[in-house]
Amino acid sequence: MKREKVLKYTAIFEPAEEGGFVVTVPLLPGCVTQGDTFEEAKAMAKDAIKGYLQVLKSDKEPIPVESEEQIETTILVPVPA
């Protein structure tokens, strides 16, 4: 029986100008996808991450792992109008 390891990656969902969402994965440079709905974008992101990791594995490159101590927040910065 083959065991699987489950990795966790932060994905950033931004509204696309034409509708839907563009998704980037900061820890995986160039890992970008999109979807017409949030659910579709989420599924596409999962698929893109899996593909990215498969390429790294086949190229014998290390698989990036997010820090367990990562802190995420939104920072509001006032700027002159």
PDB file of N, CA and C in Angstrom:
ATOM      1  N   MET A   1       0.837  -1.176   0.000  1.00  0.00           N
ATOM      2  CA  MET A   1       0.000   0.000   0.000  1.00  0.00           C
ATOM      3  C   MET A   1       0.889   1.249   0.000  1.00  0.00           C
ATOM      4  N   LYS A   2       0.610   2.154  -0.892  1.00  0.00           N
ATOM      5  CA  LYS A   2       1.390   3.370  -1.033  1.00  0.00           C
ATOM      6  C   LYS A   2       0.879   4.444  -0.075  1.00  0.00           C
ATOM      7  N   ARG A   3       1.782   5.006   0.720  1.00  0.00           N
ATOM      8  CA  ARG A   3       1.390   6.070   1.646  1.00  0.00           C
ATOM      9  C   ARG A   3       1.573   7.417   0.968  1.00  0.00           C
ATOM     10  N   GLU A   4       0.715   8.353   1.323  1.00  0.00           N
ATOM     11  CA  GLU A   4       0.814   9.708   0.788  1.00  0.00           C
ATOM     12  C   GLU A   4       1.124  10.673   1.912  1.00  0.00           C
ATOM     13  N   LYS A   5       1.918  11.664   1.579  1.00  0.00           N
ATOM     14  CA  LYS A   5       2.194  12.753   2.497  1.00  0.00           C
ATOM     15  C   LYS A   5       1.315  13.916   2.054  1.00  0.00           C
ATOM     16  N   VAL A   6       0.720  14.624   2.986  1.00  0.00           N
ATOM     17  CA  VAL A   6      -0.125  15.768   2.656  1.00  0.00           C
ATOM     18  C   VAL A   6       0.636  17.038   3.034  1.00  0.00           C
ATOM     19  N   LEU A   7       0.874  17.886   2.045  1.00  0.00           N
ATOM     20  CA  LEU A   7       1.563  19.157   2.265  1.00  0.00           C
ATOM     21  C   LEU A   7       0.554  20.294   2.191  1.00  0.00           C
ATOM     22  N   LYS A   8       0.857  21.386   2.874  1.00  0.00           N
ATOM     23  CA  LYS A   8      -0.038  22.541   2.916  1.00  0.00           C
ATOM     24  C   LYS A   8       0.680  23.730   2.286  1.00  0.00           C
ATOM     25  N   TYR A   9      -0.005  24.419   1.364  1.00  0.00           N
ATOM     26  CA  TYR A   9       0.553  25.596   0.710  1.00  0.00           C
ATOM     27  C   TYR A   9      -0.442  26.746   0.775  1.00  0.00           C
ATOM     28  N   THR A  10       0.082  27.946   0.977  1.00  0.00           N
ATOM     29  CA  THR A  10      -0.743  29.145   0.961  1.00  0.00           C
ATOM     30  C   THR A  10      -0.996  29.533  -0.483  1.00  0.00           C
ATOM     31  N   ALA A  11      -2.253  29.795  -0.814  1.00  0.00           N
ATOM     32  CA  ALA A  11      -2.637  30.241  -2.156  1.00  0.00           C
ATOM     33  C   ALA A  11      -3.310  31.600  -2.020  1.00  0.00           C
ATOM     34  N   ILE A  12      -2.965  32.510  -2.920  1.00  0.00           N
ATOM     35  CA  ILE A  12      -3.544  33.850  -2.925  1.00  0.00           C
ATOM     36  C   ILE A  12      -4.547  33.929  -4.074  1.00  0.00           C
ATOM     37  N   PHE A  13      -5.798  34.244  -3.750  1.00  0.00           N
ATOM     38  CA  PHE A  13      -6.868  34.356  -4.746  1.00  0.00           C
ATOM     39  C   PHE A  13      -7.165  35.836  -4.949  1.00  0.00           C
ATOM     40  N   GLU A  14      -6.994  36.294  -6.189  1.00  0.00           N
ATOM     41  CA  GLU A  14      -7.277  37.692  -6.506  1.00  0.00           C
ATOM     42  C   GLU A  14      -8.324  37.741  -7.612  1.00  0.00           C
ATOM     43  N   PRO A  15      -9.297  38.636  -7.492  1.00  0.00           N
ATOM     44  CA  PRO A  15     -10.304  38.758  -8.547  1.00  0.00           C
ATOM     45  C   PRO A  15      -9.635  39.130  -9.881  1.00  0.00           C
ATOM     46  N   ALA A  16     -10.043  38.458 -10.944  1.00  0.00           N
ATOM     47  CA  ALA A  16      -9.516  38.751 -12.280  1.00  0.00           C
ATOM     48  C   ALA A  16     -10.382  39.820 -12.938  1.00  0.00           C
ATOM     49  N   GLU A  17      -9.781  40.665 -13.758  1.00  0.00           N
ATOM     50  CA  GLU A  17     -10.524  41.733 -14.439  1.00  0.00           C
ATOM     51  C   GLU A  17     -11.694  41.192 -15.245  1.00  0.00           C
ATOM     52  N   GLU A  18     -11.495  40.055 -15.895  1.00  0.00           N
ATOM     53  CA  GLU A  18     -12.533  39.483 -16.745  1.00  0.00           C
ATOM     54  C   GLU A  18     -13.505  38.590 -15.987  1.00  0.00           C
ATOM     55  N   GLY A  19     -13.344  38.531 -14.669  1.00  0.00           N
ATOM     56  CA  GLY A  19     -14.191  37.691 -13.831  1.00  0.00           C
ATOM     57  C   GLY A  19     -13.415  36.486 -13.343  1.00  0.00           C
ATOM     58  N   GLY A  20     -13.900  35.870 -12.321  1.00  0.00           N
ATOM     59  CA  GLY A  20     -13.211  34.718 -11.753  1.00  0.00           C
ATOM     60  C   GLY A  20     -12.046  35.141 -10.880  1.00  0.00           C
ATOM     61  N   PHE A  21     -11.110  34.225 -10.701  1.00  0.00           N
ATOM     62  CA  PHE A  21      -9.980  34.452  -9.801  1.00  0.00           C
ATOM     63  C   PHE A  21      -8.679  33.992 -10.432  1.00  0.00           C
ATOM     64  N   VAL A  22      -7.618  34.738 -10.152  1.00  0.00           N
ATOM     65  CA  VAL A  22      -6.254  34.330 -10.471  1.00  0.00           C
ATOM     66  C   VAL A  22      -5.645  33.863  -9.160  1.00  0.00           C
ATOM     67  N   VAL A  23      -4.957  32.724  -9.195  1.00  0.00           N
ATOM     68  CA  VAL A  23      -4.397  32.134  -7.983  1.00  0.00           C
ATOM     69  C   VAL A  23      -2.882  32.016  -8.127  1.00  0.00           C
ATOM     70  N   THR A  24      -2.160  32.492  -7.115  1.00  0.00           N
ATOM     71  CA  THR A  24      -0.716  32.319  -7.067  1.00  0.00           C
ATOM     72  C   THR A  24      -0.348  31.593  -5.776  1.00  0.00           C
ATOM     73  N   VAL A  25       0.772  30.901  -5.829  1.00  0.00           N
ATOM     74  CA  VAL A  25       1.275  30.168  -4.666  1.00  0.00           C
ATOM     75  C   VAL A  25       2.667  30.732  -4.372  1.00  0.00           C
ATOM     76  N   PRO A  26       2.771  31.619  -3.373  1.00  0.00           N
ATOM     77  CA  PRO A  26       4.029  32.322  -3.129  1.00  0.00           C
ATOM     78  C   PRO A  26       5.259  31.433  -2.956  1.00  0.00           C
ATOM     79  N   LEU A  27       5.129  30.287  -2.331  1.00  0.00           N
ATOM     80  CA  LEU A  27       6.282  29.419  -2.092  1.00  0.00           C
ATOM     81  C   LEU A  27       6.753  28.696  -3.356  1.00  0.00           C
ATOM     82  N   LEU A  28       5.894  28.671  -4.391  1.00  0.00           N
ATOM     83  CA  LEU A  28       6.224  27.976  -5.636  1.00  0.00           C
ATOM     84  C   LEU A  28       6.270  28.996  -6.773  1.00  0.00           C
ATOM     85  N   PRO A  29       7.418  29.622  -7.009  1.00  0.00           N
ATOM     86  CA  PRO A  29       7.520  30.675  -8.021  1.00  0.00           C
ATOM     87  C   PRO A  29       7.015  30.219  -9.393  1.00  0.00           C
ATOM     88  N   GLY A  30       6.151  31.029  -9.979  1.00  0.00           N
ATOM     89  CA  GLY A  30       5.597  30.710 -11.291  1.00  0.00           C
ATOM     90  C   GLY A  30       4.378  29.812 -11.258  1.00  0.00           C
ATOM     91  N   CYS A  31       3.983  29.360 -10.079  1.00  0.00           N
ATOM     92  CA  CYS A  31       2.789  28.515  -9.965  1.00  0.00           C
ATOM     93  C   CYS A  31       1.573  29.435  -9.919  1.00  0.00           C
ATOM     94  N   VAL A  32       0.944  29.598 -11.073  1.00  0.00           N
ATOM     95  CA  VAL A  32      -0.189  30.514 -11.234  1.00  0.00           C
ATOM     96  C   VAL A  32      -1.266  29.794 -12.030  1.00  0.00           C
ATOM     97  N   THR A  33      -2.512  29.982 -11.631  1.00  0.00           N
ATOM     98  CA  THR A  33      -3.633  29.414 -12.367  1.00  0.00           C
ATOM     99  C   THR A  33      -4.837  30.321 -12.186  1.00  0.00           C
ATOM    100  N   GLN A  34      -5.970  29.910 -12.722  1.00  0.00           N
ATOM    101  CA  GLN A  34      -7.178  30.716 -12.580  1.00  0.00           C
ATOM    102  C   GLN A  34      -8.414  29.844 -12.700  1.00  0.00           C
ATOM    103  N   GLY A  35      -9.550  30.413 -12.329  1.00  0.00           N
ATOM    104  CA  GLY A  35     -10.826  29.722 -12.450  1.00  0.00           C
ATOM    105  C   GLY A  35     -11.955  30.720 -12.504  1.00  0.00           C
ATOM    106  N   ASP A  36     -13.061  30.331 -13.105  1.00  0.00           N
ATOM    107  CA  ASP A  36     -14.217  31.219 -13.251  1.00  0.00           C
ATOM    108  C   ASP A  36     -14.956  31.449 -11.936  1.00  0.00           C
ATOM    109  N   THR A  37     -14.851  30.494 -11.021  1.00  0.00           N
ATOM    110  CA  THR A  37     -15.463  30.622  -9.699  1.00  0.00           C
ATOM    111  C   THR A  37     -14.395  30.328  -8.651  1.00  0.00           C
ATOM    112  N   PHE A  38     -14.688  30.658  -7.392  1.00  0.00           N
ATOM    113  CA  PHE A  38     -13.730  30.362  -6.329  1.00  0.00           C
ATOM    114  C   PHE A  38     -13.463  28.862  -6.257  1.00  0.00           C
ATOM    115  N   GLU A  39     -14.508  28.054  -6.316  1.00  0.00           N
ATOM    116  CA  GLU A  39     -14.340  26.595  -6.223  1.00  0.00           C
ATOM    117  C   GLU A  39     -13.511  26.055  -7.386  1.00  0.00           C
ATOM    118  N   GLU A  40     -13.781  26.558  -8.600  1.00  0.00           N
ATOM    119  CA  GLU A  40     -13.000  26.113  -9.755  1.00  0.00           C
ATOM    120  C   GLU A  40     -11.550  26.554  -9.604  1.00  0.00           C
ATOM    121  N   ALA A  41     -11.323  27.790  -9.157  1.00  0.00           N
ATOM    122  CA  ALA A  41      -9.964  28.294  -8.973  1.00  0.00           C
ATOM    123  C   ALA A  41      -9.223  27.470  -7.923  1.00  0.00           C
ATOM    124  N   LYS A  42      -9.923  27.083  -6.873  1.00  0.00           N
ATOM    125  CA  LYS A  42      -9.320  26.259  -5.824  1.00  0.00           C
ATOM    126  C   LYS A  42      -8.915  24.889  -6.376  1.00  0.00           C
ATOM    127  N   ALA A  43      -9.781  24.276  -7.169  1.00  0.00           N
ATOM    128  CA  ALA A  43      -9.475  22.980  -7.777  1.00  0.00           C
ATOM    129  C   ALA A  43      -8.307  23.107  -8.752  1.00  0.00           C
ATOM    130  N   MET A  44      -8.294  24.183  -9.522  1.00  0.00           N
ATOM    131  CA  MET A  44      -7.209  24.418 -10.471  1.00  0.00           C
ATOM    132  C   MET A  44      -5.884  24.636  -9.731  1.00  0.00           C
ATOM    133  N   ALA A  45      -5.940  25.330  -8.598  1.00  0.00           N
ATOM    134  CA  ALA A  45      -4.736  25.567  -7.805  1.00  0.00           C
ATOM    135  C   ALA A  45      -4.176  24.244  -7.282  1.00  0.00           C
ATOM    136  N   LYS A  46      -5.046  23.397  -6.793  1.00  0.00           N
ATOM    137  CA  LYS A  46      -4.607  22.089  -6.289  1.00  0.00           C
ATOM    138  C   LYS A  46      -3.930  21.298  -7.405  1.00  0.00           C
ATOM    139  N   ASP A  47      -4.526  21.321  -8.588  1.00  0.00           N
ATOM    140  CA  ASP A  47      -3.963  20.623  -9.743  1.00  0.00           C
ATOM    141  C   ASP A  47      -2.612  21.226 -10.143  1.00  0.00           C
ATOM    142  N   ALA A  48      -2.521  22.559 -10.148  1.00  0.00           N
ATOM    143  CA  ALA A  48      -1.272  23.235 -10.519  1.00  0.00           C
ATOM    144  C   ALA A  48      -0.162  22.916  -9.516  1.00  0.00           C
ATOM    145  N   ILE A  49      -0.498  22.897  -8.237  1.00  0.00           N
ATOM    146  CA  ILE A  49       0.496  22.578  -7.205  1.00  0.00           C
ATOM    147  C   ILE A  49       0.984  21.145  -7.380  1.00  0.00           C
ATOM    148  N   LYS A  50       0.064  20.216  -7.600  1.00  0.00           N
ATOM    149  CA  LYS A  50       0.453  18.817  -7.794  1.00  0.00           C
ATOM    150  C   LYS A  50       1.386  18.675  -8.996  1.00  0.00           C
ATOM    151  N   GLY A  51       1.056  19.370 -10.092  1.00  0.00           N
ATOM    152  CA  GLY A  51       1.911  19.324 -11.282  1.00  0.00           C
ATOM    153  C   GLY A  51       3.280  19.923 -11.020  1.00  0.00           C
ATOM    154  N   TYR A  52       3.311  21.034 -10.321  1.00  0.00           N
ATOM    155  CA  TYR A  52       4.566  21.711  -9.977  1.00  0.00           C
ATOM    156  C   TYR A  52       5.454  20.769  -9.163  1.00  0.00           C
ATOM    157  N   LEU A  53       4.852  20.130  -8.147  1.00  0.00           N
ATOM    158  CA  LEU A  53       5.620  19.227  -7.291  1.00  0.00           C
ATOM    159  C   LEU A  53       6.100  17.996  -8.052  1.00  0.00           C
ATOM    160  N   GLN A  54       5.300  17.494  -8.996  1.00  0.00           N
ATOM    161  CA  GLN A  54       5.714  16.349  -9.811  1.00  0.00           C
ATOM    162  C   GLN A  54       6.942  16.687 -10.638  1.00  0.00           C
ATOM    163  N   VAL A  55       6.970  17.907 -11.201  1.00  0.00           N
ATOM    164  CA  VAL A  55       8.128  18.334 -11.989  1.00  0.00           C
ATOM    165  C   VAL A  55       9.362  18.433 -11.091  1.00  0.00           C
ATOM    166  N   LEU A  56       9.204  19.031  -9.908  1.00  0.00           N
ATOM    167  CA  LEU A  56      10.330  19.114  -8.981  1.00  0.00           C
ATOM    168  C   LEU A  56      10.860  17.718  -8.643  1.00  0.00           C
ATOM    169  N   LYS A  57       9.938  16.802  -8.371  1.00  0.00           N
ATOM    170  CA  LYS A  57      10.335  15.437  -8.009  1.00  0.00           C
ATOM    171  C   LYS A  57      11.055  14.753  -9.170  1.00  0.00           C
ATOM    172  N   SER A  58      10.530  14.893 -10.379  1.00  0.00           N
ATOM    173  CA  SER A  58      11.167  14.239 -11.532  1.00  0.00           C
ATOM    174  C   SER A  58      12.529  14.856 -11.847  1.00  0.00           C
ATOM    175  N   ASP A  59      12.704  16.139 -11.520  1.00  0.00           N
ATOM    176  CA  ASP A  59      13.997  16.807 -11.716  1.00  0.00           C
ATOM    177  C   ASP A  59      14.918  16.639 -10.509  1.00  0.00           C
ATOM    178  N   LYS A  60      14.476  15.842  -9.533  1.00  0.00           N
ATOM    179  CA  LYS A  60      15.228  15.596  -8.300  1.00  0.00           C
ATOM    180  C   LYS A  60      15.575  16.889  -7.558  1.00  0.00           C
ATOM    181  N   GLU A  61      14.637  17.833  -7.610  1.00  0.00           N
ATOM    182  CA  GLU A  61      14.758  19.099  -6.889  1.00  0.00           C
ATOM    183  C   GLU A  61      14.051  18.961  -5.536  1.00  0.00           C
ATOM    184  N   PRO A  62      14.475  19.733  -4.539  1.00  0.00           N
ATOM    185  CA  PRO A  62      13.800  19.651  -3.237  1.00  0.00           C
ATOM    186  C   PRO A  62      12.371  20.193  -3.307  1.00  0.00           C
ATOM    187  N   ILE A  63      11.497  19.583  -2.533  1.00  0.00           N
ATOM    188  CA  ILE A  63      10.101  20.015  -2.454  1.00  0.00           C
ATOM    189  C   ILE A  63      10.012  21.075  -1.341  1.00  0.00           C
ATOM    190  N   PRO A  64       9.621  22.315  -1.691  1.00  0.00           N
ATOM    191  CA  PRO A  64       9.486  23.346  -0.654  1.00  0.00           C
ATOM    192  C   PRO A  64       8.357  23.001   0.317  1.00  0.00           C
ATOM    193  N   VAL A  65       8.596  23.278   1.582  1.00  0.00           N
ATOM    194  CA  VAL A  65       7.596  23.040   2.626  1.00  0.00           C
ATOM    195  C   VAL A  65       7.423  24.337   3.404  1.00  0.00           C
ATOM    196  N   GLU A  66       6.174  24.730   3.591  1.00  0.00           N
ATOM    197  CA  GLU A  66       5.909  25.959   4.338  1.00  0.00           C
ATOM    198  C   GLU A  66       6.267  25.783   5.799  1.00  0.00           C
ATOM    199  N   SER A  67       6.735  26.857   6.390  1.00  0.00           N
ATOM    200  CA  SER A  67       7.063  26.868   7.806  1.00  0.00           C
ATOM    201  C   SER A  67       5.785  26.737   8.618  1.00  0.00           C
ATOM    202  N   GLU A  68       5.851  25.973   9.671  1.00  0.00           N
ATOM    203  CA  GLU A  68       4.702  25.831  10.564  1.00  0.00           C
ATOM    204  C   GLU A  68       4.487  27.101  11.378  1.00  0.00           C
ATOM    205  N   GLU A  69       5.510  27.950  11.444  1.00  0.00           N
ATOM    206  CA  GLU A  69       5.436  29.154  12.253  1.00  0.00           C
ATOM    207  C   GLU A  69       5.122  30.396  11.417  1.00  0.00           C
ATOM    208  N   GLN A  70       4.648  30.194  10.231  1.00  0.00           N
ATOM    209  CA  GLN A  70       4.313  31.311   9.342  1.00  0.00           C
ATOM    210  C   GLN A  70       3.128  32.098   9.888  1.00  0.00           C
ATOM    211  N   ILE A  71       3.204  33.410   9.781  1.00  0.00           N
ATOM    212  CA  ILE A  71       2.105  34.275  10.197  1.00  0.00           C
ATOM    213  C   ILE A  71       1.607  35.025   8.975  1.00  0.00           C
ATOM    214  N   GLU A  72       0.309  34.991   8.751  1.00  0.00           N
ATOM    215  CA  GLU A  72      -0.282  35.702   7.639  1.00  0.00           C
ATOM    216  C   GLU A  72      -1.211  36.774   8.171  1.00  0.00           C
ATOM    217  N   THR A  73      -1.146  37.951   7.562  1.00  0.00           N
ATOM    218  CA  THR A  73      -2.023  39.036   7.969  1.00  0.00           C
ATOM    219  C   THR A  73      -2.137  40.037   6.822  1.00  0.00           C
ATOM    220  N   THR A  74      -3.128  40.885   6.904  1.00  0.00           N
ATOM    221  CA  THR A  74      -3.282  41.969   5.963  1.00  0.00           C
ATOM    222  C   THR A  74      -2.826  43.243   6.660  1.00  0.00           C
ATOM    223  N   ILE A  75      -2.031  44.035   5.959  1.00  0.00           N
ATOM    224  CA  ILE A  75      -1.530  45.275   6.538  1.00  0.00           C
ATOM    225  C   ILE A  75      -2.136  46.444   5.781  1.00  0.00           C
ATOM    226  N   LEU A  76      -2.812  47.337   6.504  1.00  0.00           N
ATOM    227  CA  LEU A  76      -3.403  48.526   5.909  1.00  0.00           C
ATOM    228  C   LEU A  76      -2.398  49.664   5.987  1.00  0.00           C
ATOM    229  N   VAL A  77      -2.153  50.326   4.866  1.00  0.00           N
ATOM    230  CA  VAL A  77      -1.172  51.395   4.807  1.00  0.00           C
ATOM    231  C   VAL A  77      -1.856  52.652   4.261  1.00  0.00           C
ATOM    232  N   PRO A  78      -2.002  53.692   5.085  1.00  0.00           N
ATOM    233  CA  PRO A  78      -2.617  54.912   4.584  1.00  0.00           C
ATOM    234  C   PRO A  78      -1.663  55.636   3.628  1.00  0.00           C
ATOM    235  N   VAL A  79      -2.203  56.137   2.525  1.00  0.00           N
ATOM    236  CA  VAL A  79      -1.419  56.912   1.570  1.00  0.00           C
ATOM    237  C   VAL A  79      -2.206  58.179   1.232  1.00  0.00           C
ATOM    238  N   PRO A  80      -1.507  59.252   0.905  1.00  0.00           N
ATOM    239  CA  PRO A  80      -2.222  60.479   0.540  1.00  0.00           C
ATOM    240  C   PRO A  80      -3.122  60.256  -0.664  1.00  0.00           C
ATOM    241  N   ALA A  81      -4.302  60.866  -0.626  1.00  0.00           N
ATOM    242  CA  ALA A  81      -5.260  60.695  -1.725  1.00  0.00           C
ATOM    243  C   ALA A  81      -4.884  61.518  -2.943  1.00  0.00           C
TER     244      ALA A  81
END
